[in-house]
Amino acid sequence: MATVYLNTLAHGRSGDKGDTSNVCIFARDPKDYEYLKRVLTVGRVRDYFGGMVKGEITRYDVDTLHGMNFVMKHALGGGATHSLRLDSLGKSMGSAFMRMKVNTDW
């Protein structure tokens, strides 16, 4: 069993609106999509981001695109104009998401 960064198996797009971040994760190879759906649960994402995400996390599956959209509320320290974080925008959340480690034992 090997452990790899998520960006080995997926790519993503991310953005923000106010204090809400959304990150879309797309399987690089459609054969990995079902595995990613099992691994990338809301609970796992909450654990990964820890106290950074203070609100609800919702996952929307987009099976036709082999992807998932995670909407994370109260995740940006109040939003770009209110936060004391150096870079609180959703783009940085997408980059952080891609550094999640996953096992390749599927």
PDB file of N, CA and C in Angstrom:
ATOM      1  N   MET A   1       0.844  -1.171   0.000  1.00  0.00           N
ATOM      2  CA  MET A   1       0.000   0.000   0.000  1.00  0.00           C
ATOM      3  C   MET A   1       0.896   1.244   0.000  1.00  0.00           C
ATOM      4  N   ALA A   2       0.603   2.155  -0.886  1.00  0.00           N
ATOM      5  CA  ALA A   2       1.351   3.405  -0.963  1.00  0.00           C
ATOM      6  C   ALA A   2       0.449   4.563  -0.562  1.00  0.00           C
ATOM      7  N   THR A   3       1.050   5.613  -0.060  1.00  0.00           N
ATOM      8  CA  THR A   3       0.326   6.836   0.261  1.00  0.00           C
ATOM      9  C   THR A   3       0.811   7.916  -0.695  1.00  0.00           C
ATOM     10  N   VAL A   4      -0.162   8.613  -1.295  1.00  0.00           N
ATOM     11  CA  VAL A   4       0.164   9.668  -2.255  1.00  0.00           C
ATOM     12  C   VAL A   4      -0.654  10.907  -1.919  1.00  0.00           C
ATOM     13  N   TYR A   5      -0.233  12.040  -2.449  1.00  0.00           N
ATOM     14  CA  TYR A   5      -1.040  13.240  -2.332  1.00  0.00           C
ATOM     15  C   TYR A   5      -2.244  13.112  -3.258  1.00  0.00           C
ATOM     16  N   LEU A   6      -3.350  13.702  -2.854  1.00  0.00           N
ATOM     17  CA  LEU A   6      -4.580  13.646  -3.637  1.00  0.00           C
ATOM     18  C   LEU A   6      -4.350  14.116  -5.071  1.00  0.00           C
ATOM     19  N   ASN A   7      -3.469  15.078  -5.276  1.00  0.00           N
ATOM     20  CA  ASN A   7      -3.275  15.584  -6.641  1.00  0.00           C
ATOM     21  C   ASN A   7      -2.693  14.546  -7.586  1.00  0.00           C
ATOM     22  N   THR A   8      -2.245  13.399  -7.076  1.00  0.00           N
ATOM     23  CA  THR A   8      -1.810  12.302  -7.928  1.00  0.00           C
ATOM     24  C   THR A   8      -3.006  11.650  -8.612  1.00  0.00           C
ATOM     25  N   LEU A   9      -4.132  11.596  -7.907  1.00  0.00           N
ATOM     26  CA  LEU A   9      -5.336  10.930  -8.416  1.00  0.00           C
ATOM     27  C   LEU A   9      -6.401  11.895  -8.915  1.00  0.00           C
ATOM     28  N   ALA A  10      -6.269  13.163  -8.579  1.00  0.00           N
ATOM     29  CA  ALA A  10      -7.340  14.113  -8.893  1.00  0.00           C
ATOM     30  C   ALA A  10      -6.765  15.493  -9.194  1.00  0.00           C
ATOM     31  N   HIS A  11      -7.579  16.304  -9.822  1.00  0.00           N
ATOM     32  CA  HIS A  11      -7.267  17.716  -9.988  1.00  0.00           C
ATOM     33  C   HIS A  11      -8.476  18.489  -9.490  1.00  0.00           C
ATOM     34  N   GLY A  12      -8.340  19.772  -9.327  1.00  0.00           N
ATOM     35  CA  GLY A  12      -9.448  20.511  -8.745  1.00  0.00           C
ATOM     36  C   GLY A  12      -9.550  21.941  -9.215  1.00  0.00           C
ATOM     37  N   ARG A  13     -10.677  22.522  -8.873  1.00  0.00           N
ATOM     38  CA  ARG A  13     -10.959  23.937  -9.089  1.00  0.00           C
ATOM     39  C   ARG A  13     -11.544  24.451  -7.790  1.00  0.00           C
ATOM     40  N   SER A  14     -11.260  25.687  -7.462  1.00  0.00           N
ATOM     41  CA  SER A  14     -11.774  26.212  -6.206  1.00  0.00           C
ATOM     42  C   SER A  14     -12.079  27.696  -6.331  1.00  0.00           C
ATOM     43  N   GLY A  15     -12.878  28.157  -5.399  1.00  0.00           N
ATOM     44  CA  GLY A  15     -13.231  29.564  -5.366  1.00  0.00           C
ATOM     45  C   GLY A  15     -13.882  29.904  -4.041  1.00  0.00           C
ATOM     46  N   ASP A  16     -14.379  31.141  -3.949  1.00  0.00           N
ATOM     47  CA  ASP A  16     -15.004  31.566  -2.707  1.00  0.00           C
ATOM     48  C   ASP A  16     -16.065  32.613  -2.978  1.00  0.00           C
ATOM     49  N   LYS A  17     -16.977  32.719  -2.053  1.00  0.00           N
ATOM     50  CA  LYS A  17     -17.973  33.793  -1.989  1.00  0.00           C
ATOM     51  C   LYS A  17     -18.069  34.165  -0.529  1.00  0.00           C
ATOM     52  N   GLY A  18     -17.569  35.322  -0.186  1.00  0.00           N
ATOM     53  CA  GLY A  18     -17.610  35.746   1.215  1.00  0.00           C
ATOM     54  C   GLY A  18     -16.800  34.793   2.077  1.00  0.00           C
ATOM     55  N   ASP A  19     -17.464  34.202   3.061  1.00  0.00           N
ATOM     56  CA  ASP A  19     -16.807  33.304   4.017  1.00  0.00           C
ATOM     57  C   ASP A  19     -17.019  31.832   3.645  1.00  0.00           C
ATOM     58  N   THR A  20     -17.471  31.574   2.424  1.00  0.00           N
ATOM     59  CA  THR A  20     -17.728  30.206   1.960  1.00  0.00           C
ATOM     60  C   THR A  20     -16.717  29.838   0.878  1.00  0.00           C
ATOM     61  N   SER A  21     -16.084  28.693   1.061  1.00  0.00           N
ATOM     62  CA  SER A  21     -15.128  28.173   0.084  1.00  0.00           C
ATOM     63  C   SER A  21     -15.751  26.966  -0.599  1.00  0.00           C
ATOM     64  N   ASN A  22     -15.538  26.852  -1.884  1.00  0.00           N
ATOM     65  CA  ASN A  22     -15.943  25.613  -2.554  1.00  0.00           C
ATOM     66  C   ASN A  22     -14.767  25.069  -3.343  1.00  0.00           C
ATOM     67  N   VAL A  23     -14.615  23.749  -3.239  1.00  0.00           N
ATOM     68  CA  VAL A  23     -13.525  23.059  -3.927  1.00  0.00           C
ATOM     69  C   VAL A  23     -14.125  21.888  -4.685  1.00  0.00           C
ATOM     70  N   CYS A  24     -13.887  21.853  -5.986  1.00  0.00           N
ATOM     71  CA  CYS A  24     -14.333  20.743  -6.824  1.00  0.00           C
ATOM     72  C   CYS A  24     -13.140  19.825  -7.057  1.00  0.00           C
ATOM     73  N   ILE A  25     -13.357  18.539  -6.836  1.00  0.00           N
ATOM     74  CA  ILE A  25     -12.327  17.524  -7.014  1.00  0.00           C
ATOM     75  C   ILE A  25     -12.767  16.621  -8.161  1.00  0.00           C
ATOM     76  N   PHE A  26     -11.911  16.439  -9.149  1.00  0.00           N
ATOM     77  CA  PHE A  26     -12.221  15.598 -10.307  1.00  0.00           C
ATOM     78  C   PHE A  26     -11.178  14.494 -10.426  1.00  0.00           C
ATOM     79  N   ALA A  27     -11.634  13.255 -10.562  1.00  0.00           N
ATOM     80  CA  ALA A  27     -10.708  12.134 -10.742  1.00  0.00           C
ATOM     81  C   ALA A  27      -9.956  12.317 -12.058  1.00  0.00           C
ATOM     82  N   ARG A  28      -8.661  12.140 -12.013  1.00  0.00           N
ATOM     83  CA  ARG A  28      -7.862  12.214 -13.245  1.00  0.00           C
ATOM     84  C   ARG A  28      -8.212  11.049 -14.170  1.00  0.00           C
ATOM     85  N   ASP A  29      -8.472   9.904 -13.576  1.00  0.00           N
ATOM     86  CA  ASP A  29      -8.861   8.703 -14.328  1.00  0.00           C
ATOM     87  C   ASP A  29     -10.221   8.269 -13.800  1.00  0.00           C
ATOM     88  N   PRO A  30     -11.227   8.127 -14.671  1.00  0.00           N
ATOM     89  CA  PRO A  30     -12.572   7.753 -14.203  1.00  0.00           C
ATOM     90  C   PRO A  30     -12.590   6.488 -13.351  1.00  0.00           C
ATOM     91  N   LYS A  31     -11.630   5.586 -13.538  1.00  0.00           N
ATOM     92  CA  LYS A  31     -11.624   4.351 -12.743  1.00  0.00           C
ATOM     93  C   LYS A  31     -11.355   4.628 -11.257  1.00  0.00           C
ATOM     94  N   ASP A  32     -10.784   5.776 -10.934  1.00  0.00           N
ATOM     95  CA  ASP A  32     -10.486   6.127  -9.540  1.00  0.00           C
ATOM     96  C   ASP A  32     -11.645   6.843  -8.844  1.00  0.00           C
ATOM     97  N   TYR A  33     -12.668   7.204  -9.576  1.00  0.00           N
ATOM     98  CA  TYR A  33     -13.738   8.030  -9.017  1.00  0.00           C
ATOM     99  C   TYR A  33     -14.468   7.363  -7.851  1.00  0.00           C
ATOM    100  N   GLU A  34     -14.852   6.113  -7.993  1.00  0.00           N
ATOM    101  CA  GLU A  34     -15.590   5.443  -6.911  1.00  0.00           C
ATOM    102  C   GLU A  34     -14.733   5.351  -5.652  1.00  0.00           C
ATOM    103  N   TYR A  35     -13.448   5.111  -5.817  1.00  0.00           N
ATOM    104  CA  TYR A  35     -12.538   5.080  -4.668  1.00  0.00           C
ATOM    105  C   TYR A  35     -12.499   6.456  -3.997  1.00  0.00           C
ATOM    106  N   LEU A  36     -12.361   7.500  -4.788  1.00  0.00           N
ATOM    107  CA  LEU A  36     -12.310   8.848  -4.228  1.00  0.00           C
ATOM    108  C   LEU A  36     -13.610   9.192  -3.495  1.00  0.00           C
ATOM    109  N   LYS A  37     -14.739   8.755  -4.023  1.00  0.00           N
ATOM    110  CA  LYS A  37     -16.010   8.995  -3.334  1.00  0.00           C
ATOM    111  C   LYS A  37     -16.033   8.321  -1.965  1.00  0.00           C
ATOM    112  N   ARG A  38     -15.449   7.146  -1.860  1.00  0.00           N
ATOM    113  CA  ARG A  38     -15.407   6.441  -0.564  1.00  0.00           C
ATOM    114  C   ARG A  38     -14.462   7.139   0.411  1.00  0.00           C
ATOM    115  N   VAL A  39     -13.357   7.649  -0.102  1.00  0.00           N
ATOM    116  CA  VAL A  39     -12.316   8.216   0.756  1.00  0.00           C
ATOM    117  C   VAL A  39     -12.605   9.667   1.153  1.00  0.00           C
ATOM    118  N   LEU A  40     -13.109  10.448   0.233  1.00  0.00           N
ATOM    119  CA  LEU A  40     -13.303  11.878   0.481  1.00  0.00           C
ATOM    120  C   LEU A  40     -14.686  12.150   1.073  1.00  0.00           C
ATOM    121  N   THR A  41     -14.866  11.707   2.285  1.00  0.00           N
ATOM    122  CA  THR A  41     -16.132  11.937   2.983  1.00  0.00           C
ATOM    123  C   THR A  41     -16.118  13.324   3.620  1.00  0.00           C
ATOM    124  N   VAL A  42     -17.285  13.795   3.979  1.00  0.00           N
ATOM    125  CA  VAL A  42     -17.378  15.074   4.675  1.00  0.00           C
ATOM    126  C   VAL A  42     -16.589  15.006   5.986  1.00  0.00           C
ATOM    127  N   GLY A  43     -16.682  13.887   6.695  1.00  0.00           N
ATOM    128  CA  GLY A  43     -15.944  13.732   7.947  1.00  0.00           C
ATOM    129  C   GLY A  43     -14.442  13.810   7.749  1.00  0.00           C
ATOM    130  N   ARG A  44     -13.958  13.183   6.695  1.00  0.00           N
ATOM    131  CA  ARG A  44     -12.514  13.215   6.410  1.00  0.00           C
ATOM    132  C   ARG A  44     -12.059  14.626   6.073  1.00  0.00           C
ATOM    133  N   VAL A  45     -12.883  15.331   5.304  1.00  0.00           N
ATOM    134  CA  VAL A  45     -12.533  16.707   4.935  1.00  0.00           C
ATOM    135  C   VAL A  45     -12.544  17.593   6.182  1.00  0.00           C
ATOM    136  N   ARG A  46     -13.530  17.408   7.054  1.00  0.00           N
ATOM    137  CA  ARG A  46     -13.589  18.197   8.289  1.00  0.00           C
ATOM    138  C   ARG A  46     -12.352  17.926   9.149  1.00  0.00           C
ATOM    139  N   ASP A  47     -11.977  16.666   9.289  1.00  0.00           N
ATOM    140  CA  ASP A  47     -10.783  16.322  10.063  1.00  0.00           C
ATOM    141  C   ASP A  47      -9.528  16.932   9.442  1.00  0.00           C
ATOM    142  N   TYR A  48      -9.457  16.891   8.130  1.00  0.00           N
ATOM    143  CA  TYR A  48      -8.270  17.390   7.431  1.00  0.00           C
ATOM    144  C   TYR A  48      -8.089  18.896   7.641  1.00  0.00           C
ATOM    145  N   PHE A  49      -9.178  19.656   7.503  1.00  0.00           N
ATOM    146  CA  PHE A  49      -9.072  21.106   7.641  1.00  0.00           C
ATOM    147  C   PHE A  49      -9.145  21.564   9.094  1.00  0.00           C
ATOM    148  N   GLY A  50      -9.542  20.681   9.995  1.00  0.00           N
ATOM    149  CA  GLY A  50      -9.563  21.009  11.417  1.00  0.00           C
ATOM    150  C   GLY A  50     -10.384  22.249  11.713  1.00  0.00           C
ATOM    151  N   GLY A  51      -9.846  23.120  12.536  1.00  0.00           N
ATOM    152  CA  GLY A  51     -10.557  24.316  12.964  1.00  0.00           C
ATOM    153  C   GLY A  51     -10.669  25.406  11.918  1.00  0.00           C
ATOM    154  N   MET A  52     -10.069  25.209  10.745  1.00  0.00           N
ATOM    155  CA  MET A  52     -10.190  26.228   9.691  1.00  0.00           C
ATOM    156  C   MET A  52     -11.620  26.362   9.196  1.00  0.00           C
ATOM    157  N   VAL A  53     -12.346  25.252   9.139  1.00  0.00           N
ATOM    158  CA  VAL A  53     -13.730  25.275   8.664  1.00  0.00           C
ATOM    159  C   VAL A  53     -14.636  25.186   9.887  1.00  0.00           C
ATOM    160  N   LYS A  54     -15.320  26.268  10.173  1.00  0.00           N
ATOM    161  CA  LYS A  54     -16.137  26.339  11.379  1.00  0.00           C
ATOM    162  C   LYS A  54     -17.602  26.025  11.119  1.00  0.00           C
ATOM    163  N   GLY A  55     -18.014  26.016   9.873  1.00  0.00           N
ATOM    164  CA  GLY A  55     -19.415  25.784   9.535  1.00  0.00           C
ATOM    165  C   GLY A  55     -19.648  24.437   8.872  1.00  0.00           C
ATOM    166  N   GLU A  56     -20.787  24.338   8.252  1.00  0.00           N
ATOM    167  CA  GLU A  56     -21.226  23.118   7.581  1.00  0.00           C
ATOM    168  C   GLU A  56     -20.378  22.832   6.343  1.00  0.00           C
ATOM    169  N   ILE A  57     -20.142  21.549   6.106  1.00  0.00           N
ATOM    170  CA  ILE A  57     -19.497  21.100   4.872  1.00  0.00           C
ATOM    171  C   ILE A  57     -20.499  20.214   4.148  1.00  0.00           C
ATOM    172  N   THR A  58     -20.746  20.519   2.892  1.00  0.00           N
ATOM    173  CA  THR A  58     -21.667  19.725   2.074  1.00  0.00           C
ATOM    174  C   THR A  58     -20.909  19.229   0.860  1.00  0.00           C
ATOM    175  N   ARG A  59     -21.106  17.953   0.528  1.00  0.00           N
ATOM    176  CA  ARG A  59     -20.489  17.380  -0.673  1.00  0.00           C
ATOM    177  C   ARG A  59     -21.583  17.112  -1.693  1.00  0.00           C
ATOM    178  N   TYR A  60     -21.372  17.603  -2.894  1.00  0.00           N
ATOM    179  CA  TYR A  60     -22.270  17.350  -4.013  1.00  0.00           C
ATOM    180  C   TYR A  60     -21.524  16.476  -5.016  1.00  0.00           C
ATOM    181  N   ASP A  61     -22.048  15.290  -5.275  1.00  0.00           N
ATOM    182  CA  ASP A  61     -21.430  14.393  -6.248  1.00  0.00           C
ATOM    183  C   ASP A  61     -21.881  14.771  -7.654  1.00  0.00           C
ATOM    184  N   VAL A  62     -20.947  14.775  -8.587  1.00  0.00           N
ATOM    185  CA  VAL A  62     -21.228  15.070  -9.983  1.00  0.00           C
ATOM    186  C   VAL A  62     -20.716  13.873 -10.783  1.00  0.00           C
ATOM    187  N   ASP A  63     -21.500  12.798 -10.761  1.00  0.00           N
ATOM    188  CA  ASP A  63     -21.067  11.530 -11.342  1.00  0.00           C
ATOM    189  C   ASP A  63     -20.722  11.646 -12.827  1.00  0.00           C
ATOM    190  N   THR A  64     -21.455  12.462 -13.558  1.00  0.00           N
ATOM    191  CA  THR A  64     -21.207  12.568 -14.996  1.00  0.00           C
ATOM    192  C   THR A  64     -19.842  13.166 -15.314  1.00  0.00           C
ATOM    193  N   LEU A  65     -19.273  13.908 -14.356  1.00  0.00           N
ATOM    194  CA  LEU A  65     -17.955  14.514 -14.546  1.00  0.00           C
ATOM    195  C   LEU A  65     -16.879  13.833 -13.702  1.00  0.00           C
ATOM    196  N   HIS A  66     -17.265  12.756 -13.003  1.00  0.00           N
ATOM    197  CA  HIS A  66     -16.350  12.047 -12.106  1.00  0.00           C
ATOM    198  C   HIS A  66     -15.754  13.001 -11.080  1.00  0.00           C
ATOM    199  N   GLY A  67     -16.650  13.807 -10.488  1.00  0.00           N
ATOM    200  CA  GLY A  67     -16.178  14.803  -9.538  1.00  0.00           C
ATOM    201  C   GLY A  67     -17.104  15.021  -8.361  1.00  0.00           C
ATOM    202  N   MET A  68     -16.606  15.783  -7.417  1.00  0.00           N
ATOM    203  CA  MET A  68     -17.343  16.158  -6.216  1.00  0.00           C
ATOM    204  C   MET A  68     -17.082  17.627  -5.943  1.00  0.00           C
ATOM    205  N   ASN A  69     -18.105  18.326  -5.472  1.00  0.00           N
ATOM    206  CA  ASN A  69     -17.963  19.725  -5.085  1.00  0.00           C
ATOM    207  C   ASN A  69     -18.187  19.815  -3.585  1.00  0.00           C
ATOM    208  N   PHE A  70     -17.196  20.303  -2.869  1.00  0.00           N
ATOM    209  CA  PHE A  70     -17.300  20.498  -1.425  1.00  0.00           C
ATOM    210  C   PHE A  70     -17.536  21.975  -1.158  1.00  0.00           C
ATOM    211  N   VAL A  71     -18.640  22.271  -0.491  1.00  0.00           N
ATOM    212  CA  VAL A  71     -18.964  23.636  -0.097  1.00  0.00           C
ATOM    213  C   VAL A  71     -18.738  23.726   1.404  1.00  0.00           C
ATOM    214  N   MET A  72     -17.833  24.612   1.800  1.00  0.00           N
ATOM    215  CA  MET A  72     -17.432  24.728   3.208  1.00  0.00           C
ATOM    216  C   MET A  72     -17.764  26.132   3.708  1.00  0.00           C
ATOM    217  N   LYS A  73     -18.732  26.203   4.611  1.00  0.00           N
ATOM    218  CA  LYS A  73     -19.175  27.496   5.136  1.00  0.00           C
ATOM    219  C   LYS A  73     -18.337  27.906   6.338  1.00  0.00           C
ATOM    220  N   HIS A  74     -18.206  29.203   6.508  1.00  0.00           N
ATOM    221  CA  HIS A  74     -17.403  29.789   7.593  1.00  0.00           C
ATOM    222  C   HIS A  74     -15.997  29.188   7.577  1.00  0.00           C
ATOM    223  N   ALA A  75     -15.404  29.226   6.388  1.00  0.00           N
ATOM    224  CA  ALA A  75     -14.114  28.576   6.169  1.00  0.00           C
ATOM    225  C   ALA A  75     -12.982  29.556   5.876  1.00  0.00           C
ATOM    226  N   LEU A  76     -13.290  30.836   5.757  1.00  0.00           N
ATOM    227  CA  LEU A  76     -12.280  31.786   5.298  1.00  0.00           C
ATOM    228  C   LEU A  76     -12.047  32.930   6.275  1.00  0.00           C
ATOM    229  N   GLY A  77     -12.280  32.665   7.541  1.00  0.00           N
ATOM    230  CA  GLY A  77     -12.002  33.683   8.551  1.00  0.00           C
ATOM    231  C   GLY A  77     -12.822  34.942   8.387  1.00  0.00           C
ATOM    232  N   GLY A  78     -14.022  34.822   7.833  1.00  0.00           N
ATOM    233  CA  GLY A  78     -14.894  35.975   7.634  1.00  0.00           C
ATOM    234  C   GLY A  78     -14.913  36.477   6.201  1.00  0.00           C
ATOM    235  N   GLY A  79     -14.033  35.976   5.368  1.00  0.00           N
ATOM    236  CA  GLY A  79     -13.964  36.425   3.978  1.00  0.00           C
ATOM    237  C   GLY A  79     -12.752  37.307   3.748  1.00  0.00           C
ATOM    238  N   ALA A  80     -12.457  37.581   2.509  1.00  0.00           N
ATOM    239  CA  ALA A  80     -11.220  38.267   2.132  1.00  0.00           C
ATOM    240  C   ALA A  80     -11.060  39.628   2.799  1.00  0.00           C
ATOM    241  N   THR A  81     -12.125  40.360   3.001  1.00  0.00           N
ATOM    242  CA  THR A  81     -11.989  41.705   3.569  1.00  0.00           C
ATOM    243  C   THR A  81     -12.037  41.723   5.090  1.00  0.00           C
ATOM    244  N   HIS A  82     -12.350  40.574   5.718  1.00  0.00           N
ATOM    245  CA  HIS A  82     -12.472  40.531   7.177  1.00  0.00           C
ATOM    246  C   HIS A  82     -11.415  39.680   7.866  1.00  0.00           C
ATOM    247  N   SER A  83     -10.777  38.832   7.128  1.00  0.00           N
ATOM    248  CA  SER A  83      -9.894  37.839   7.721  1.00  0.00           C
ATOM    249  C   SER A  83      -8.515  38.404   8.045  1.00  0.00           C
ATOM    250  N   LEU A  84      -7.913  37.857   9.085  1.00  0.00           N
ATOM    251  CA  LEU A  84      -6.529  38.179   9.418  1.00  0.00           C
ATOM    252  C   LEU A  84      -5.559  37.180   8.801  1.00  0.00           C
ATOM    253  N   ARG A  85      -6.091  36.175   8.100  1.00  0.00           N
ATOM    254  CA  ARG A  85      -5.227  35.200   7.440  1.00  0.00           C
ATOM    255  C   ARG A  85      -4.478  35.867   6.295  1.00  0.00           C
ATOM    256  N   LEU A  86      -3.276  35.405   6.063  1.00  0.00           N
ATOM    257  CA  LEU A  86      -2.455  35.978   5.005  1.00  0.00           C
ATOM    258  C   LEU A  86      -3.118  35.793   3.631  1.00  0.00           C
ATOM    259  N   ASP A  87      -3.625  34.598   3.354  1.00  0.00           N
ATOM    260  CA  ASP A  87      -4.295  34.326   2.080  1.00  0.00           C
ATOM    261  C   ASP A  87      -5.509  33.458   2.381  1.00  0.00           C
ATOM    262  N   SER A  88      -6.649  34.081   2.528  1.00  0.00           N
ATOM    263  CA  SER A  88      -7.842  33.351   2.956  1.00  0.00           C
ATOM    264  C   SER A  88      -8.753  32.980   1.797  1.00  0.00           C
ATOM    265  N   LEU A  89      -8.379  33.302   0.593  1.00  0.00           N
ATOM    266  CA  LEU A  89      -9.260  33.052  -0.534  1.00  0.00           C
ATOM    267  C   LEU A  89      -9.384  31.566  -0.836  1.00  0.00           C
ATOM    268  N   GLY A  90     -10.474  31.216  -1.517  1.00  0.00           N
ATOM    269  CA  GLY A  90     -10.763  29.823  -1.820  1.00  0.00           C
ATOM    270  C   GLY A  90      -9.703  29.121  -2.639  1.00  0.00           C
ATOM    271  N   LYS A  91      -8.930  29.865  -3.417  1.00  0.00           N
ATOM    272  CA  LYS A  91      -7.877  29.228  -4.219  1.00  0.00           C
ATOM    273  C   LYS A  91      -6.866  28.521  -3.333  1.00  0.00           C
ATOM    274  N   SER A  92      -6.532  29.121  -2.220  1.00  0.00           N
ATOM    275  CA  SER A  92      -5.566  28.478  -1.331  1.00  0.00           C
ATOM    276  C   SER A  92      -6.164  27.240  -0.675  1.00  0.00           C
ATOM    277  N   MET A  93      -7.475  27.219  -0.452  1.00  0.00           N
ATOM    278  CA  MET A  93      -8.130  26.031   0.098  1.00  0.00           C
ATOM    279  C   MET A  93      -8.028  24.879  -0.899  1.00  0.00           C
ATOM    280  N   GLY A  94      -8.174  25.168  -2.184  1.00  0.00           N
ATOM    281  CA  GLY A  94      -8.043  24.131  -3.206  1.00  0.00           C
ATOM    282  C   GLY A  94      -6.648  23.534  -3.234  1.00  0.00           C
ATOM    283  N   SER A  95      -5.642  24.379  -3.107  1.00  0.00           N
ATOM    284  CA  SER A  95      -4.264  23.889  -3.071  1.00  0.00           C
ATOM    285  C   SER A  95      -4.018  23.031  -1.837  1.00  0.00           C
ATOM    286  N   ALA A  96      -4.548  23.470  -0.703  1.00  0.00           N
ATOM    287  CA  ALA A  96      -4.397  22.697   0.532  1.00  0.00           C
ATOM    288  C   ALA A  96      -5.087  21.345   0.402  1.00  0.00           C
ATOM    289  N   PHE A  97      -6.256  21.322  -0.221  1.00  0.00           N
ATOM    290  CA  PHE A  97      -7.014  20.073  -0.410  1.00  0.00           C
ATOM    291  C   PHE A  97      -6.180  19.068  -1.202  1.00  0.00           C
ATOM    292  N   MET A  98      -5.495  19.536  -2.233  1.00  0.00           N
ATOM    293  CA  MET A  98      -4.708  18.651  -3.095  1.00  0.00           C
ATOM    294  C   MET A  98      -3.532  18.011  -2.367  1.00  0.00           C
ATOM    295  N   ARG A  99      -3.158  18.560  -1.203  1.00  0.00           N
ATOM    296  CA  ARG A  99      -2.049  17.995  -0.424  1.00  0.00           C
ATOM    297  C   ARG A  99      -2.534  16.989   0.617  1.00  0.00           C
ATOM    298  N   MET A 100      -3.835  16.662   0.600  1.00  0.00           N
ATOM    299  CA  MET A 100      -4.343  15.600   1.479  1.00  0.00           C
ATOM    300  C   MET A 100      -3.708  14.288   1.035  1.00  0.00           C
ATOM    301  N   LYS A 101      -3.309  13.467   1.981  1.00  0.00           N
ATOM    302  CA  LYS A 101      -2.719  12.173   1.651  1.00  0.00           C
ATOM    303  C   LYS A 101      -3.802  11.105   1.606  1.00  0.00           C
ATOM    304  N   VAL A 102      -3.727  10.250   0.583  1.00  0.00           N
ATOM    305  CA  VAL A 102      -4.664   9.126   0.438  1.00  0.00           C
ATOM    306  C   VAL A 102      -3.866   7.856   0.159  1.00  0.00           C
ATOM    307  N   ASN A 103      -4.421   6.748   0.562  1.00  0.00           N
ATOM    308  CA  ASN A 103      -3.793   5.440   0.300  1.00  0.00           C
ATOM    309  C   ASN A 103      -4.175   4.967  -1.089  1.00  0.00           C
ATOM    310  N   THR A 104      -3.312   4.199  -1.698  1.00  0.00           N
ATOM    311  CA  THR A 104      -3.600   3.657  -3.029  1.00  0.00           C
ATOM    312  C   THR A 104      -3.860   2.170  -2.955  1.00  0.00           C
ATOM    313  N   ASP A 105      -4.564   1.739  -1.925  1.00  0.00           N
ATOM    314  CA  ASP A 105      -4.815   0.307  -1.726  1.00  0.00           C
ATOM    315  C   ASP A 105      -6.192  -0.126  -2.229  1.00  0.00           C
ATOM    316  N   TRP A 106      -6.757   0.602  -3.148  1.00  0.00           N
ATOM    317  CA  TRP A 106      -8.086   0.272  -3.629  1.00  0.00           C
ATOM    318  C   TRP A 106      -8.049  -0.909  -4.545  1.00  0.00           C
TER     319      TRP A 106
END
